[in-house]
Amino acid sequence: MATNIITPEDLQAFKVELLEAIEKLLSQRQAGPVQRWLKSPQVRRLLNLSPGTLQNLRINGTLPFSKIGGVIFYDYEDIERILQERKRNTESSLTENQLRRT
């Protein structure tokens, strides 16, 4: 049985190859386009919503959508905008709750 001896130079070469491969993977991942239009199942997973809740958001006009054929699409930017508009500061919410109790 033959024995392979690994030298410090071999380890250094392996390290360089590994770092180059990781950098390549990361650059490919970052360069990928962000999906702008999402289908209902993707939005439900993203926001952890039931199908009925998502339908209610469509019906009451909270969440804009586009329908092509029978497929409903949601703009990712609309979802982000709505979340930002409805974001609450926990300190102000706490103060409001304390004021209601007194």
PDB file of N, CA and C in Angstrom:
ATOM      1  N   MET A   1       0.843  -1.175   0.000  1.00  0.00           N
ATOM      2  CA  MET A   1       0.000   0.000   0.000  1.00  0.00           C
ATOM      3  C   MET A   1       0.893   1.244   0.000  1.00  0.00           C
ATOM      4  N   ALA A   2       0.613   2.145  -0.923  1.00  0.00           N
ATOM      5  CA  ALA A   2       1.429   3.344  -1.055  1.00  0.00           C
ATOM      6  C   ALA A   2       0.982   4.400  -0.060  1.00  0.00           C
ATOM      7  N   THR A   3       1.931   5.163   0.430  1.00  0.00           N
ATOM      8  CA  THR A   3       1.655   6.225   1.378  1.00  0.00           C
ATOM      9  C   THR A   3       1.836   7.569   0.685  1.00  0.00           C
ATOM     10  N   ASN A   4       0.852   8.437   0.809  1.00  0.00           N
ATOM     11  CA  ASN A   4       0.939   9.787   0.255  1.00  0.00           C
ATOM     12  C   ASN A   4       1.343  10.743   1.361  1.00  0.00           C
ATOM     13  N   ILE A   5       2.337  11.532   1.087  1.00  0.00           N
ATOM     14  CA  ILE A   5       2.799  12.512   2.056  1.00  0.00           C
ATOM     15  C   ILE A   5       2.323  13.887   1.597  1.00  0.00           C
ATOM     16  N   ILE A   6       1.655  14.577   2.491  1.00  0.00           N
ATOM     17  CA  ILE A   6       1.143  15.915   2.186  1.00  0.00           C
ATOM     18  C   ILE A   6       2.119  16.934   2.745  1.00  0.00           C
ATOM     19  N   THR A   7       2.582  17.783   1.864  1.00  0.00           N
ATOM     20  CA  THR A   7       3.551  18.803   2.262  1.00  0.00           C
ATOM     21  C   THR A   7       2.828  20.117   2.558  1.00  0.00           C
ATOM     22  N   PRO A   8       3.494  21.039   3.235  1.00  0.00           N
ATOM     23  CA  PRO A   8       2.891  22.363   3.462  1.00  0.00           C
ATOM     24  C   PRO A   8       2.535  23.064   2.153  1.00  0.00           C
ATOM     25  N   GLU A   9       3.318  22.831   1.106  1.00  0.00           N
ATOM     26  CA  GLU A   9       3.020  23.436  -0.194  1.00  0.00           C
ATOM     27  C   GLU A   9       1.721  22.876  -0.773  1.00  0.00           C
ATOM     28  N   ASP A  10       1.504  21.567  -0.570  1.00  0.00           N
ATOM     29  CA  ASP A  10       0.255  20.947  -1.029  1.00  0.00           C
ATOM     30  C   ASP A  10      -0.947  21.563  -0.306  1.00  0.00           C
ATOM     31  N   LEU A  11      -0.801  21.753   0.986  1.00  0.00           N
ATOM     32  CA  LEU A  11      -1.888  22.354   1.766  1.00  0.00           C
ATOM     33  C   LEU A  11      -2.154  23.790   1.329  1.00  0.00           C
ATOM     34  N   GLN A  12      -1.092  24.533   1.057  1.00  0.00           N
ATOM     35  CA  GLN A  12      -1.247  25.916   0.604  1.00  0.00           C
ATOM     36  C   GLN A  12      -1.954  25.959  -0.750  1.00  0.00           C
ATOM     37  N   ALA A  13      -1.586  25.068  -1.661  1.00  0.00           N
ATOM     38  CA  ALA A  13      -2.224  25.023  -2.983  1.00  0.00           C
ATOM     39  C   ALA A  13      -3.703  24.657  -2.839  1.00  0.00           C
ATOM     40  N   PHE A  14      -3.995  23.707  -1.950  1.00  0.00           N
ATOM     41  CA  PHE A  14      -5.391  23.324  -1.715  1.00  0.00           C
ATOM     42  C   PHE A  14      -6.185  24.491  -1.145  1.00  0.00           C
ATOM     43  N   LYS A  15      -5.582  25.217  -0.230  1.00  0.00           N
ATOM     44  CA  LYS A  15      -6.237  26.382   0.374  1.00  0.00           C
ATOM     45  C   LYS A  15      -6.585  27.421  -0.688  1.00  0.00           C
ATOM     46  N   VAL A  16      -5.642  27.700  -1.580  1.00  0.00           N
ATOM     47  CA  VAL A  16      -5.874  28.686  -2.636  1.00  0.00           C
ATOM     48  C   VAL A  16      -7.013  28.230  -3.545  1.00  0.00           C
ATOM     49  N   GLU A  17      -7.001  26.958  -3.953  1.00  0.00           N
ATOM     50  CA  GLU A  17      -8.068  26.423  -4.810  1.00  0.00           C
ATOM     51  C   GLU A  17      -9.428  26.513  -4.115  1.00  0.00           C
ATOM     52  N   LEU A  18      -9.451  26.170  -2.843  1.00  0.00           N
ATOM     53  CA  LEU A  18     -10.701  26.195  -2.092  1.00  0.00           C
ATOM     54  C   LEU A  18     -11.245  27.612  -1.965  1.00  0.00           C
ATOM     55  N   LEU A  19     -10.393  28.564  -1.654  1.00  0.00           N
ATOM     56  CA  LEU A  19     -10.828  29.962  -1.538  1.00  0.00           C
ATOM     57  C   LEU A  19     -11.334  30.498  -2.874  1.00  0.00           C
ATOM     58  N   GLU A  20     -10.664  30.145  -3.966  1.00  0.00           N
ATOM     59  CA  GLU A  20     -11.120  30.580  -5.289  1.00  0.00           C
ATOM     60  C   GLU A  20     -12.495  30.003  -5.609  1.00  0.00           C
ATOM     61  N   ALA A  21     -12.707  28.740  -5.264  1.00  0.00           N
ATOM     62  CA  ALA A  21     -14.004  28.107  -5.521  1.00  0.00           C
ATOM     63  C   ALA A  21     -15.104  28.769  -4.693  1.00  0.00           C
ATOM     64  N   ILE A  22     -14.811  29.089  -3.443  1.00  0.00           N
ATOM     65  CA  ILE A  22     -15.797  29.747  -2.575  1.00  0.00           C
ATOM     66  C   ILE A  22     -16.124  31.136  -3.102  1.00  0.00           C
ATOM     67  N   GLU A  23     -15.103  31.887  -3.496  1.00  0.00           N
ATOM     68  CA  GLU A  23     -15.334  33.231  -4.050  1.00  0.00           C
ATOM     69  C   GLU A  23     -16.185  33.169  -5.309  1.00  0.00           C
ATOM     70  N   LYS A  24     -15.934  32.179  -6.145  1.00  0.00           N
ATOM     71  CA  LYS A  24     -16.708  32.018  -7.380  1.00  0.00           C
ATOM     72  C   LYS A  24     -18.177  31.737  -7.061  1.00  0.00           C
ATOM     73  N   LEU A  25     -18.421  30.841  -6.108  1.00  0.00           N
ATOM     74  CA  LEU A  25     -19.798  30.525  -5.718  1.00  0.00           C
ATOM     75  C   LEU A  25     -20.510  31.737  -5.131  1.00  0.00           C
ATOM     76  N   LEU A  26     -19.820  32.482  -4.285  1.00  0.00           N
ATOM     77  CA  LEU A  26     -20.432  33.664  -3.678  1.00  0.00           C
ATOM     78  C   LEU A  26     -20.736  34.736  -4.710  1.00  0.00           C
ATOM     79  N   SER A  27     -19.852  34.926  -5.671  1.00  0.00           N
ATOM     80  CA  SER A  27     -20.105  35.947  -6.692  1.00  0.00           C
ATOM     81  C   SER A  27     -21.269  35.545  -7.587  1.00  0.00           C
ATOM     82  N   GLN A  28     -21.418  34.265  -7.874  1.00  0.00           N
ATOM     83  CA  GLN A  28     -22.556  33.795  -8.671  1.00  0.00           C
ATOM     84  C   GLN A  28     -23.853  33.981  -7.903  1.00  0.00           C
ATOM     85  N   ARG A  29     -23.809  33.724  -6.623  1.00  0.00           N
ATOM     86  CA  ARG A  29     -25.009  33.848  -5.794  1.00  0.00           C
ATOM     87  C   ARG A  29     -25.450  35.303  -5.697  1.00  0.00           C
ATOM     88  N   GLN A  30     -24.515  36.221  -5.509  1.00  0.00           N
ATOM     89  CA  GLN A  30     -24.838  37.633  -5.371  1.00  0.00           C
ATOM     90  C   GLN A  30     -25.263  38.236  -6.698  1.00  0.00           C
ATOM     91  N   ALA A  31     -24.748  37.718  -7.796  1.00  0.00           N
ATOM     92  CA  ALA A  31     -25.059  38.274  -9.106  1.00  0.00           C
ATOM     93  C   ALA A  31     -26.439  37.846  -9.591  1.00  0.00           C
ATOM     94  N   GLY A  32     -27.026  36.836  -8.957  1.00  0.00           N
ATOM     95  CA  GLY A  32     -28.330  36.344  -9.385  1.00  0.00           C
ATOM     96  C   GLY A  32     -29.406  37.394  -9.191  1.00  0.00           C
ATOM     97  N   PRO A  33     -30.339  37.482 -10.129  1.00  0.00           N
ATOM     98  CA  PRO A  33     -31.391  38.493 -10.021  1.00  0.00           C
ATOM     99  C   PRO A  33     -32.386  38.160  -8.908  1.00  0.00           C
ATOM    100  N   VAL A  34     -32.892  39.199  -8.272  1.00  0.00           N
ATOM    101  CA  VAL A  34     -33.928  39.028  -7.263  1.00  0.00           C
ATOM    102  C   VAL A  34     -35.243  38.851  -8.004  1.00  0.00           C
ATOM    103  N   GLN A  35     -35.988  37.845  -7.610  1.00  0.00           N
ATOM    104  CA  GLN A  35     -37.257  37.589  -8.279  1.00  0.00           C
ATOM    105  C   GLN A  35     -38.249  38.662  -7.862  1.00  0.00           C
ATOM    106  N   ARG A  36     -38.717  39.433  -8.830  1.00  0.00           N
ATOM    107  CA  ARG A  36     -39.595  40.552  -8.517  1.00  0.00           C
ATOM    108  C   ARG A  36     -41.037  40.109  -8.334  1.00  0.00           C
ATOM    109  N   TRP A  37     -41.528  39.234  -9.186  1.00  0.00           N
ATOM    110  CA  TRP A  37     -42.928  38.823  -9.139  1.00  0.00           C
ATOM    111  C   TRP A  37     -43.041  37.458  -8.488  1.00  0.00           C
ATOM    112  N   LEU A  38     -43.876  37.374  -7.468  1.00  0.00           N
ATOM    113  CA  LEU A  38     -44.054  36.143  -6.710  1.00  0.00           C
ATOM    114  C   LEU A  38     -45.466  35.615  -6.896  1.00  0.00           C
ATOM    115  N   LYS A  39     -45.588  34.292  -6.912  1.00  0.00           N
ATOM    116  CA  LYS A  39     -46.904  33.656  -6.980  1.00  0.00           C
ATOM    117  C   LYS A  39     -47.440  33.486  -5.556  1.00  0.00           C
ATOM    118  N   SER A  40     -48.718  33.174  -5.466  1.00  0.00           N
ATOM    119  CA  SER A  40     -49.381  33.063  -4.158  1.00  0.00           C
ATOM    120  C   SER A  40     -48.671  32.122  -3.189  1.00  0.00           C
ATOM    121  N   PRO A  41     -48.291  30.908  -3.601  1.00  0.00           N
ATOM    122  CA  PRO A  41     -47.615  30.025  -2.635  1.00  0.00           C
ATOM    123  C   PRO A  41     -46.311  30.613  -2.097  1.00  0.00           C
ATOM    124  N   GLN A  42     -45.590  31.341  -2.939  1.00  0.00           N
ATOM    125  CA  GLN A  42     -44.338  31.957  -2.490  1.00  0.00           C
ATOM    126  C   GLN A  42     -44.612  33.057  -1.468  1.00  0.00           C
ATOM    127  N   VAL A  43     -45.649  33.848  -1.707  1.00  0.00           N
ATOM    128  CA  VAL A  43     -46.001  34.924  -0.774  1.00  0.00           C
ATOM    129  C   VAL A  43     -46.490  34.330   0.542  1.00  0.00           C
ATOM    130  N   ARG A  44     -47.274  33.265   0.459  1.00  0.00           N
ATOM    131  CA  ARG A  44     -47.772  32.629   1.689  1.00  0.00           C
ATOM    132  C   ARG A  44     -46.618  32.097   2.530  1.00  0.00           C
ATOM    133  N   ARG A  45     -45.633  31.478   1.882  1.00  0.00           N
ATOM    134  CA  ARG A  45     -44.462  30.982   2.624  1.00  0.00           C
ATOM    135  C   ARG A  45     -43.645  32.137   3.191  1.00  0.00           C
ATOM    136  N   LEU A  46     -43.459  33.173   2.390  1.00  0.00           N
ATOM    137  CA  LEU A  46     -42.659  34.327   2.802  1.00  0.00           C
ATOM    138  C   LEU A  46     -43.248  35.008   4.034  1.00  0.00           C
ATOM    139  N   LEU A  47     -44.570  35.176   4.049  1.00  0.00           N
ATOM    140  CA  LEU A  47     -45.237  35.898   5.135  1.00  0.00           C
ATOM    141  C   LEU A  47     -45.907  34.982   6.153  1.00  0.00           C
ATOM    142  N   ASN A  48     -45.819  33.674   5.921  1.00  0.00           N
ATOM    143  CA  ASN A  48     -46.446  32.689   6.805  1.00  0.00           C
ATOM    144  C   ASN A  48     -47.950  32.948   6.931  1.00  0.00           C
ATOM    145  N   LEU A  49     -48.623  33.027   5.785  1.00  0.00           N
ATOM    146  CA  LEU A  49     -50.056  33.305   5.733  1.00  0.00           C
ATOM    147  C   LEU A  49     -50.822  32.088   5.246  1.00  0.00           C
ATOM    148  N   SER A  50     -52.052  31.983   5.680  1.00  0.00           N
ATOM    149  CA  SER A  50     -52.934  30.953   5.141  1.00  0.00           C
ATOM    150  C   SER A  50     -53.472  31.434   3.798  1.00  0.00           C
ATOM    151  N   PRO A  51     -53.976  30.517   2.970  1.00  0.00           N
ATOM    152  CA  PRO A  51     -54.564  30.943   1.693  1.00  0.00           C
ATOM    153  C   PRO A  51     -55.706  31.937   1.883  1.00  0.00           C
ATOM    154  N   GLY A  52     -56.520  31.733   2.904  1.00  0.00           N
ATOM    155  CA  GLY A  52     -57.644  32.636   3.156  1.00  0.00           C
ATOM    156  C   GLY A  52     -57.204  34.037   3.552  1.00  0.00           C
ATOM    157  N   THR A  53     -56.168  34.124   4.363  1.00  0.00           N
ATOM    158  CA  THR A  53     -55.662  35.439   4.770  1.00  0.00           C
ATOM    159  C   THR A  53     -55.097  36.187   3.575  1.00  0.00           C
ATOM    160  N   LEU A  54     -54.371  35.482   2.721  1.00  0.00           N
ATOM    161  CA  LEU A  54     -53.830  36.124   1.523  1.00  0.00           C
ATOM    162  C   LEU A  54     -54.963  36.604   0.620  1.00  0.00           C
ATOM    163  N   GLN A  55     -56.003  35.802   0.508  1.00  0.00           N
ATOM    164  CA  GLN A  55     -57.160  36.207  -0.297  1.00  0.00           C
ATOM    165  C   GLN A  55     -57.819  37.449   0.303  1.00  0.00           C
ATOM    166  N   ASN A  56     -57.948  37.504   1.611  1.00  0.00           N
ATOM    167  CA  ASN A  56     -58.530  38.682   2.260  1.00  0.00           C
ATOM    168  C   ASN A  56     -57.691  39.936   2.006  1.00  0.00           C
ATOM    169  N   LEU A  57     -56.380  39.800   2.011  1.00  0.00           N
ATOM    170  CA  LEU A  57     -55.509  40.944   1.724  1.00  0.00           C
ATOM    171  C   LEU A  57     -55.716  41.441   0.292  1.00  0.00           C
ATOM    172  N   ARG A  58     -56.000  40.522  -0.620  1.00  0.00           N
ATOM    173  CA  ARG A  58     -56.306  40.920  -2.003  1.00  0.00           C
ATOM    174  C   ARG A  58     -57.659  41.602  -2.073  1.00  0.00           C
ATOM    175  N   ILE A  59     -58.657  40.998  -1.455  1.00  0.00           N
ATOM    176  CA  ILE A  59     -60.033  41.496  -1.540  1.00  0.00           C
ATOM    177  C   ILE A  59     -60.154  42.893  -0.947  1.00  0.00           C
ATOM    178  N   ASN A  60     -59.543  43.117   0.223  1.00  0.00           N
ATOM    179  CA  ASN A  60     -59.701  44.427   0.866  1.00  0.00           C
ATOM    180  C   ASN A  60     -58.716  45.473   0.339  1.00  0.00           C
ATOM    181  N   GLY A  61     -57.907  45.102  -0.659  1.00  0.00           N
ATOM    182  CA  GLY A  61     -57.025  46.064  -1.307  1.00  0.00           C
ATOM    183  C   GLY A  61     -55.726  46.336  -0.578  1.00  0.00           C
ATOM    184  N   THR A  62     -55.436  45.569   0.460  1.00  0.00           N
ATOM    185  CA  THR A  62     -54.197  45.773   1.205  1.00  0.00           C
ATOM    186  C   THR A  62     -52.978  45.402   0.372  1.00  0.00           C
ATOM    187  N   LEU A  63     -53.092  44.306  -0.362  1.00  0.00           N
ATOM    188  CA  LEU A  63     -51.962  43.804  -1.136  1.00  0.00           C
ATOM    189  C   LEU A  63     -52.297  43.825  -2.623  1.00  0.00           C
ATOM    190  N   PRO A  64     -51.683  44.734  -3.381  1.00  0.00           N
ATOM    191  CA  PRO A  64     -51.939  44.789  -4.823  1.00  0.00           C
ATOM    192  C   PRO A  64     -51.456  43.509  -5.513  1.00  0.00           C
ATOM    193  N   PHE A  65     -52.100  43.166  -6.617  1.00  0.00           N
ATOM    194  CA  PHE A  65     -51.721  41.966  -7.354  1.00  0.00           C
ATOM    195  C   PHE A  65     -52.035  42.146  -8.827  1.00  0.00           C
ATOM    196  N   SER A  66     -51.457  41.275  -9.627  1.00  0.00           N
ATOM    197  CA  SER A  66     -51.755  41.209 -11.056  1.00  0.00           C
ATOM    198  C   SER A  66     -52.181  39.786 -11.357  1.00  0.00           C
ATOM    199  N   LYS A  67     -53.138  39.645 -12.250  1.00  0.00           N
ATOM    200  CA  LYS A  67     -53.618  38.319 -12.605  1.00  0.00           C
ATOM    201  C   LYS A  67     -53.452  38.120 -14.102  1.00  0.00           C
ATOM    202  N   ILE A  68     -52.767  37.067 -14.460  1.00  0.00           N
ATOM    203  CA  ILE A  68     -52.583  36.704 -15.863  1.00  0.00           C
ATOM    204  C   ILE A  68     -53.117  35.292 -16.018  1.00  0.00           C
ATOM    205  N   GLY A  69     -54.162  35.168 -16.820  1.00  0.00           N
ATOM    206  CA  GLY A  69     -54.825  33.876 -16.897  1.00  0.00           C
ATOM    207  C   GLY A  69     -55.409  33.574 -15.533  1.00  0.00           C
ATOM    208  N   GLY A  70     -55.074  32.433 -14.991  1.00  0.00           N
ATOM    209  CA  GLY A  70     -55.550  32.093 -13.661  1.00  0.00           C
ATOM    210  C   GLY A  70     -54.486  32.244 -12.592  1.00  0.00           C
ATOM    211  N   VAL A  71     -53.350  32.821 -12.948  1.00  0.00           N
ATOM    212  CA  VAL A  71     -52.229  32.920 -12.011  1.00  0.00           C
ATOM    213  C   VAL A  71     -52.149  34.331 -11.445  1.00  0.00           C
ATOM    214  N   ILE A  72     -52.063  34.412 -10.118  1.00  0.00           N
ATOM    215  CA  ILE A  72     -51.973  35.702  -9.432  1.00  0.00           C
ATOM    216  C   ILE A  72     -50.514  35.959  -9.074  1.00  0.00           C
ATOM    217  N   PHE A  73     -50.047  37.168  -9.392  1.00  0.00           N
ATOM    218  CA  PHE A  73     -48.674  37.573  -9.109  1.00  0.00           C
ATOM    219  C   PHE A  73     -48.676  38.779  -8.180  1.00  0.00           C
ATOM    220  N   TYR A  74     -47.682  38.814  -7.288  1.00  0.00           N
ATOM    221  CA  TYR A  74     -47.508  39.919  -6.348  1.00  0.00           C
ATOM    222  C   TYR A  74     -46.123  40.511  -6.561  1.00  0.00           C
ATOM    223  N   ASP A  75     -46.042  41.824  -6.533  1.00  0.00           N
ATOM    224  CA  ASP A  75     -44.770  42.520  -6.689  1.00  0.00           C
ATOM    225  C   ASP A  75     -44.047  42.513  -5.342  1.00  0.00           C
ATOM    226  N   TYR A  76     -42.824  42.005  -5.330  1.00  0.00           N
ATOM    227  CA  TYR A  76     -42.043  41.926  -4.101  1.00  0.00           C
ATOM    228  C   TYR A  76     -41.866  43.304  -3.464  1.00  0.00           C
ATOM    229  N   GLU A  77     -41.713  44.325  -4.288  1.00  0.00           N
ATOM    230  CA  GLU A  77     -41.545  45.685  -3.766  1.00  0.00           C
ATOM    231  C   GLU A  77     -42.808  46.159  -3.046  1.00  0.00           C
ATOM    232  N   ASP A  78     -43.988  45.766  -3.527  1.00  0.00           N
ATOM    233  CA  ASP A  78     -45.239  46.108  -2.839  1.00  0.00           C
ATOM    234  C   ASP A  78     -45.281  45.465  -1.458  1.00  0.00           C
ATOM    235  N   ILE A  79     -44.845  44.219  -1.383  1.00  0.00           N
ATOM    236  CA  ILE A  79     -44.842  43.508  -0.098  1.00  0.00           C
ATOM    237  C   ILE A  79     -43.905  44.215   0.879  1.00  0.00           C
ATOM    238  N   GLU A  80     -42.700  44.558   0.421  1.00  0.00           N
ATOM    239  CA  GLU A  80     -41.757  45.269   1.292  1.00  0.00           C
ATOM    240  C   GLU A  80     -42.317  46.615   1.739  1.00  0.00           C
ATOM    241  N   ARG A  81     -42.936  47.345   0.818  1.00  0.00           N
ATOM    242  CA  ARG A  81     -43.485  48.665   1.133  1.00  0.00           C
ATOM    243  C   ARG A  81     -44.577  48.548   2.195  1.00  0.00           C
ATOM    244  N   ILE A  82     -45.464  47.589   2.034  1.00  0.00           N
ATOM    245  CA  ILE A  82     -46.560  47.407   2.993  1.00  0.00           C
ATOM    246  C   ILE A  82     -46.011  47.045   4.370  1.00  0.00           C
ATOM    247  N   LEU A  83     -45.012  46.180   4.411  1.00  0.00           N
ATOM    248  CA  LEU A  83     -44.415  45.819   5.698  1.00  0.00           C
ATOM    249  C   LEU A  83     -43.766  47.030   6.360  1.00  0.00           C
ATOM    250  N   GLN A  84     -43.087  47.853   5.581  1.00  0.00           N
ATOM    251  CA  GLN A  84     -42.463  49.057   6.138  1.00  0.00           C
ATOM    252  C   GLN A  84     -43.513  50.047   6.643  1.00  0.00           C
ATOM    253  N   GLU A  85     -44.596  50.211   5.891  1.00  0.00           N
ATOM    254  CA  GLU A  85     -45.650  51.148   6.301  1.00  0.00           C
ATOM    255  C   GLU A  85     -46.308  50.721   7.602  1.00  0.00           C
ATOM    256  N   ARG A  86     -46.401  49.428   7.830  1.00  0.00           N
ATOM    257  CA  ARG A  86     -47.101  48.920   9.006  1.00  0.00           C
ATOM    258  C   ARG A  86     -46.158  48.552  10.152  1.00  0.00           C
ATOM    259  N   LYS A  87     -44.884  48.851   9.987  1.00  0.00           N
ATOM    260  CA  LYS A  87     -43.910  48.541  11.029  1.00  0.00           C
ATOM    261  C   LYS A  87     -44.178  49.420  12.241  1.00  0.00           C
ATOM    262  N   ARG A  88     -44.129  48.812  13.407  1.00  0.00           N
ATOM    263  CA  ARG A  88     -44.407  49.541  14.644  1.00  0.00           C
ATOM    264  C   ARG A  88     -43.188  49.523  15.536  1.00  0.00           C
ATOM    265  N   ASN A  89     -42.990  50.618  16.214  1.00  0.00           N
ATOM    266  CA  ASN A  89     -41.920  50.721  17.190  1.00  0.00           C
ATOM    267  C   ASN A  89     -42.415  50.071  18.472  1.00  0.00           C
ATOM    268  N   THR A  90     -41.667  49.126  19.019  1.00  0.00           N
ATOM    269  CA  THR A  90     -42.127  48.415  20.208  1.00  0.00           C
ATOM    270  C   THR A  90     -42.273  49.338  21.407  1.00  0.00           C
ATOM    271  N   GLU A  91     -41.438  50.361  21.518  1.00  0.00           N
ATOM    272  CA  GLU A  91     -41.548  51.287  22.646  1.00  0.00           C
ATOM    273  C   GLU A  91     -42.844  52.084  22.568  1.00  0.00           C
ATOM    274  N   SER A  92     -43.198  52.573  21.377  1.00  0.00           N
ATOM    275  CA  SER A  92     -44.432  53.349  21.262  1.00  0.00           C
ATOM    276  C   SER A  92     -45.647  52.455  21.463  1.00  0.00           C
ATOM    277  N   SER A  93     -45.570  51.203  21.016  1.00  0.00           N
ATOM    278  CA  SER A  93     -46.678  50.278  21.231  1.00  0.00           C
ATOM    279  C   SER A  93     -46.840  49.991  22.714  1.00  0.00           C
ATOM    280  N   LEU A  94     -45.725  49.848  23.411  1.00  0.00           N
ATOM    281  CA  LEU A  94     -45.765  49.598  24.843  1.00  0.00           C
ATOM    282  C   LEU A  94     -46.377  50.791  25.569  1.00  0.00           C
ATOM    283  N   THR A  95     -46.006  51.985  25.202  1.00  0.00           N
ATOM    284  CA  THR A  95     -46.540  53.187  25.829  1.00  0.00           C
ATOM    285  C   THR A  95     -48.046  53.294  25.589  1.00  0.00           C
ATOM    286  N   GLU A  96     -48.496  53.002  24.374  1.00  0.00           N
ATOM    287  CA  GLU A  96     -49.927  53.053  24.074  1.00  0.00           C
ATOM    288  C   GLU A  96     -50.689  52.051  24.927  1.00  0.00           C
ATOM    289  N   ASN A  97     -50.134  50.832  25.080  1.00  0.00           N
ATOM    290  CA  ASN A  97     -50.795  49.817  25.895  1.00  0.00           C
ATOM    291  C   ASN A  97     -50.852  50.237  27.357  1.00  0.00           C
ATOM    292  N   GLN A  98     -49.791  50.863  27.859  1.00  0.00           N
ATOM    293  CA  GLN A  98     -49.783  51.313  29.243  1.00  0.00           C
ATOM    294  C   GLN A  98     -50.798  52.429  29.448  1.00  0.00           C
ATOM    295  N   LEU A  99     -50.939  53.325  28.476  1.00  0.00           N
ATOM    296  CA  LEU A  99     -51.897  54.421  28.592  1.00  0.00           C
ATOM    297  C   LEU A  99     -53.332  53.904  28.597  1.00  0.00           C
ATOM    298  N   ARG A 100     -53.584  52.862  27.846  1.00  0.00           N
ATOM    299  CA  ARG A 100     -54.942  52.313  27.786  1.00  0.00           C
ATOM    300  C   ARG A 100     -55.358  51.705  29.119  1.00  0.00           C
ATOM    301  N   ARG A 101     -54.388  51.148  29.847  1.00  0.00           N
ATOM    302  CA  ARG A 101     -54.703  50.482  31.111  1.00  0.00           C
ATOM    303  C   ARG A 101     -55.024  51.469  32.226  1.00  0.00           C
ATOM    304  N   THR A 102     -54.517  52.686  32.131  1.00  0.00           N
ATOM    305  CA  THR A 102     -54.713  53.638  33.235  1.00  0.00           C
ATOM    306  C   THR A 102     -55.980  54.423  33.090  1.00  0.00           C
TER     307      THR A 102
END
